[in-house]
Each structure stands twice: as C-alpha cells, then as structure tokens.
Amino acid sequence: MKYLVSVIDDGTGRATPTEEADIDAFNDRLRTDGHWVFAGGLGSPDPATVVDNRGAEPVFTDGPFVEAKEHLAGFWIIEAADLDVALKLAADGSKACNRKIEVRPFL
C-alpha cells in the first residue's frame, strides 16, 4: 500500500545542514529497504497561487490556499505493507527532518 507522508513546518524554515544529512540518510534507507516511491521538498507557501476553474472562468488567487501557522514543507510517498509499518517509517522521518509528520493512505 502507498502512503503520503507529509512534512509539516511550523515556521522553523529550511532544514539545517545536520537535518539535510539526516534526511539524506533516511531517504537512502527508504530506497535500500524498498519503501521509496518519491519525495520532494516544497518552498514557502507565500508565492503559491490557488486556481479555481469551477465557474465560467478560472480564478487565480495569490497566496496559499489557507492562512495558517503551519504549512506543508515536503513529502514522501512510500510503499509499506500496512499502516503500522508506515507509522514507524513516519516516526523515523519526523526524527530525521525534525518536523511533525502526517501519514495518509492513498485510495
């Protein structure tokens, strides 16, 4: 089963060199153990654009979808046998990046 493992930043900002090294080591472990699917970091939500094309014309709005103290800073898509494995990996990822993590299964 595939899971989205979201990294939640509460204003901490970019990863420190130590955190970057720990994240690289965690990524290597995911690859070695067969859990790696894809991962990516995201920039600040400030330059985000929301697109809503549900009406007659598309509407483009500057800024993030919601104003919040916390925002999505990055993510992993992992393959895990079950939720328990995904949660264990997420706990290790949280430790590596020094951020909170949210885990959600793909449908």
C-alpha atoms as a PDB file:
ATOM      1  CA  MET A   1       0.000   0.000   0.000  1.00  0.00           C
ATOM      2  CA  LYS A   2       1.173   3.529  -0.732  1.00  0.00           C
ATOM      3  CA  TYR A   3       1.130   6.340   1.842  1.00  0.00           C
ATOM      4  CA  LEU A   4       1.611  10.080   1.636  1.00  0.00           C
ATOM      5  CA  VAL A   5       3.923  11.177   4.433  1.00  0.00           C
ATOM      6  CA  SER A   6       3.636  14.961   4.716  1.00  0.00           C
ATOM      7  CA  VAL A   7       6.210  17.136   6.465  1.00  0.00           C
ATOM      8  CA  ILE A   8       4.605  19.954   8.450  1.00  0.00           C
ATOM      9  CA  ASP A   9       6.645  23.102   9.046  1.00  0.00           C
ATOM     10  CA  ASP A  10       5.557  25.408  11.855  1.00  0.00           C
ATOM     11  CA  GLY A  11       7.797  28.268  10.831  1.00  0.00           C
ATOM     12  CA  THR A  12      11.064  26.510  11.520  1.00  0.00           C
ATOM     13  CA  GLY A  13      12.225  27.289   7.987  1.00  0.00           C
ATOM     14  CA  ARG A  14      14.674  25.437   5.804  1.00  0.00           C
ATOM     15  CA  ALA A  15      16.451  22.347   7.072  1.00  0.00           C
ATOM     16  CA  THR A  16      19.788  22.801   8.780  1.00  0.00           C
ATOM     17  CA  PRO A  17      22.858  21.038   7.337  1.00  0.00           C
ATOM     18  CA  THR A  18      22.504  18.366  10.040  1.00  0.00           C
ATOM     19  CA  GLU A  19      18.825  17.855   9.221  1.00  0.00           C
ATOM     20  CA  GLU A  20      19.646  17.665   5.498  1.00  0.00           C
ATOM     21  CA  ALA A  21      22.225  14.934   6.204  1.00  0.00           C
ATOM     22  CA  ASP A  22      19.746  13.033   8.379  1.00  0.00           C
ATOM     23  CA  ILE A  23      17.060  13.327   5.685  1.00  0.00           C
ATOM     24  CA  ASP A  24      19.509  12.036   3.041  1.00  0.00           C
ATOM     25  CA  ALA A  25      20.337   9.050   5.278  1.00  0.00           C
ATOM     26  CA  PHE A  26      16.615   8.383   5.845  1.00  0.00           C
ATOM     27  CA  ASN A  27      15.979   8.590   2.085  1.00  0.00           C
ATOM     28  CA  ASP A  28      18.808   6.125   1.446  1.00  0.00           C
ATOM     29  CA  ARG A  29      17.280   3.750   3.990  1.00  0.00           C
ATOM     30  CA  LEU A  30      13.858   4.008   2.329  1.00  0.00           C
ATOM     31  CA  ARG A  31      15.465   3.122  -1.005  1.00  0.00           C
ATOM     32  CA  THR A  32      17.524   0.250   0.397  1.00  0.00           C
ATOM     33  CA  ASP A  33      14.546  -1.243   2.252  1.00  0.00           C
ATOM     34  CA  GLY A  34      12.186  -0.964  -0.745  1.00  0.00           C
ATOM     35  CA  HIS A  35       9.853   1.684   0.703  1.00  0.00           C
ATOM     36  CA  TRP A  36      10.895   4.576  -1.583  1.00  0.00           C
ATOM     37  CA  VAL A  37       8.450   5.743  -4.249  1.00  0.00           C
ATOM     38  CA  PHE A  38       9.042   9.507  -4.487  1.00  0.00           C
ATOM     39  CA  ALA A  39       9.842  12.513  -2.305  1.00  0.00           C
ATOM     40  CA  GLY A  40      10.146  16.250  -2.619  1.00  0.00           C
ATOM     41  CA  GLY A  41      10.633  19.394  -0.631  1.00  0.00           C
ATOM     42  CA  LEU A  42       8.445  22.449  -1.097  1.00  0.00           C
ATOM     43  CA  GLY A  43       9.285  26.119  -0.859  1.00  0.00           C
ATOM     44  CA  SER A  44       7.463  28.672   1.240  1.00  0.00           C
ATOM     45  CA  PRO A  45       3.704  28.889   0.613  1.00  0.00           C
ATOM     46  CA  ASP A  46       3.939  32.692   0.160  1.00  0.00           C
ATOM     47  CA  PRO A  47       4.328  32.623  -3.659  1.00  0.00           C
ATOM     48  CA  ALA A  48       1.629  29.950  -4.089  1.00  0.00           C
ATOM     49  CA  THR A  49      -1.283  30.510  -6.462  1.00  0.00           C
ATOM     50  CA  VAL A  50      -4.719  28.949  -5.979  1.00  0.00           C
ATOM     51  CA  VAL A  51      -6.584  28.116  -9.194  1.00  0.00           C
ATOM     52  CA  ASP A  52     -10.384  27.666  -9.151  1.00  0.00           C
ATOM     53  CA  ASN A  53     -11.899  26.770 -12.512  1.00  0.00           C
ATOM     54  CA  ARG A  54     -15.266  25.537 -11.242  1.00  0.00           C
ATOM     55  CA  GLY A  55     -17.145  28.521 -12.707  1.00  0.00           C
ATOM     56  CA  ALA A  56     -17.424  30.113 -16.121  1.00  0.00           C
ATOM     57  CA  GLU A  57     -13.864  31.493 -15.954  1.00  0.00           C
ATOM     58  CA  PRO A  58     -10.803  30.409 -13.974  1.00  0.00           C
ATOM     59  CA  VAL A  59      -9.992  32.484 -10.898  1.00  0.00           C
ATOM     60  CA  PHE A  60      -6.362  32.833  -9.837  1.00  0.00           C
ATOM     61  CA  THR A  61      -5.679  33.944  -6.262  1.00  0.00           C
ATOM     62  CA  ASP A  62      -2.236  34.839  -4.936  1.00  0.00           C
ATOM     63  CA  GLY A  63      -1.073  33.192  -1.760  1.00  0.00           C
ATOM     64  CA  PRO A  64      -1.643  29.872  -0.069  1.00  0.00           C
ATOM     65  CA  PHE A  65      -4.978  28.049  -0.007  1.00  0.00           C
ATOM     66  CA  VAL A  66      -5.358  28.758   3.708  1.00  0.00           C
ATOM     67  CA  GLU A  67      -3.598  31.174   6.005  1.00  0.00           C
ATOM     68  CA  ALA A  68      -2.072  29.094   8.777  1.00  0.00           C
ATOM     69  CA  LYS A  69       0.896  28.995  11.100  1.00  0.00           C
ATOM     70  CA  GLU A  70       1.826  25.564   9.753  1.00  0.00           C
ATOM     71  CA  HIS A  71       2.284  24.550   6.146  1.00  0.00           C
ATOM     72  CA  LEU A  72       3.303  21.602   4.002  1.00  0.00           C
ATOM     73  CA  ALA A  73       7.081  21.733   3.633  1.00  0.00           C
ATOM     74  CA  GLY A  74       7.686  18.474   1.803  1.00  0.00           C
ATOM     75  CA  PHE A  75       6.546  14.904   1.439  1.00  0.00           C
ATOM     76  CA  TRP A  76       7.441  11.303   0.866  1.00  0.00           C
ATOM     77  CA  ILE A  77       5.365   8.787  -0.997  1.00  0.00           C
ATOM     78  CA  ILE A  78       6.247   5.429   0.475  1.00  0.00           C
ATOM     79  CA  GLU A  79       5.300   1.806  -0.032  1.00  0.00           C
ATOM     80  CA  ALA A  80       4.557  -0.072   3.193  1.00  0.00           C
ATOM     81  CA  ALA A  81       2.931  -3.401   3.999  1.00  0.00           C
ATOM     82  CA  ASP A  82       0.461  -1.768   6.388  1.00  0.00           C
ATOM     83  CA  LEU A  83      -0.249   1.320   8.486  1.00  0.00           C
ATOM     84  CA  ASP A  84       1.936   0.124  11.365  1.00  0.00           C
ATOM     85  CA  VAL A  85       4.980  -0.005   9.070  1.00  0.00           C
ATOM     86  CA  ALA A  86       4.082   3.381   7.559  1.00  0.00           C
ATOM     87  CA  LEU A  87       3.773   4.941  11.017  1.00  0.00           C
ATOM     88  CA  LYS A  88       7.135   3.526  12.117  1.00  0.00           C
ATOM     89  CA  LEU A  89       8.758   4.943   8.987  1.00  0.00           C
ATOM     90  CA  ALA A  90       6.993   8.275   9.539  1.00  0.00           C
ATOM     91  CA  ALA A  91       8.330   8.422  13.098  1.00  0.00           C
ATOM     92  CA  ASP A  92      11.841   7.895  11.742  1.00  0.00           C
ATOM     93  CA  GLY A  93      11.222  10.568   9.080  1.00  0.00           C
ATOM     94  CA  SER A  94       9.986  13.009  11.711  1.00  0.00           C
ATOM     95  CA  LYS A  95      13.164  12.440  13.696  1.00  0.00           C
ATOM     96  CA  ALA A  96      15.325  12.912  10.587  1.00  0.00           C
ATOM     97  CA  CYS A  97      13.749  16.185   9.442  1.00  0.00           C
ATOM     98  CA  ASN A  98      12.922  17.486  12.935  1.00  0.00           C
ATOM     99  CA  ARG A  99       9.337  18.305  11.903  1.00  0.00           C
ATOM    100  CA  LYS A 100       5.860  16.939  12.547  1.00  0.00           C
ATOM    101  CA  ILE A 101       4.586  14.386  10.050  1.00  0.00           C
ATOM    102  CA  GLU A 102       1.118  13.444   8.793  1.00  0.00           C
ATOM    103  CA  VAL A 103       0.501   9.989   7.291  1.00  0.00           C
ATOM    104  CA  ARG A 104      -2.375   9.305   4.894  1.00  0.00           C
ATOM    105  CA  PRO A 105      -3.050   6.241   2.761  1.00  0.00           C
ATOM    106  CA  PHE A 106      -3.723   6.580  -0.946  1.00  0.00           C
ATOM    107  CA  LEU A 107      -7.155   5.381  -2.070  1.00  0.00           C
END
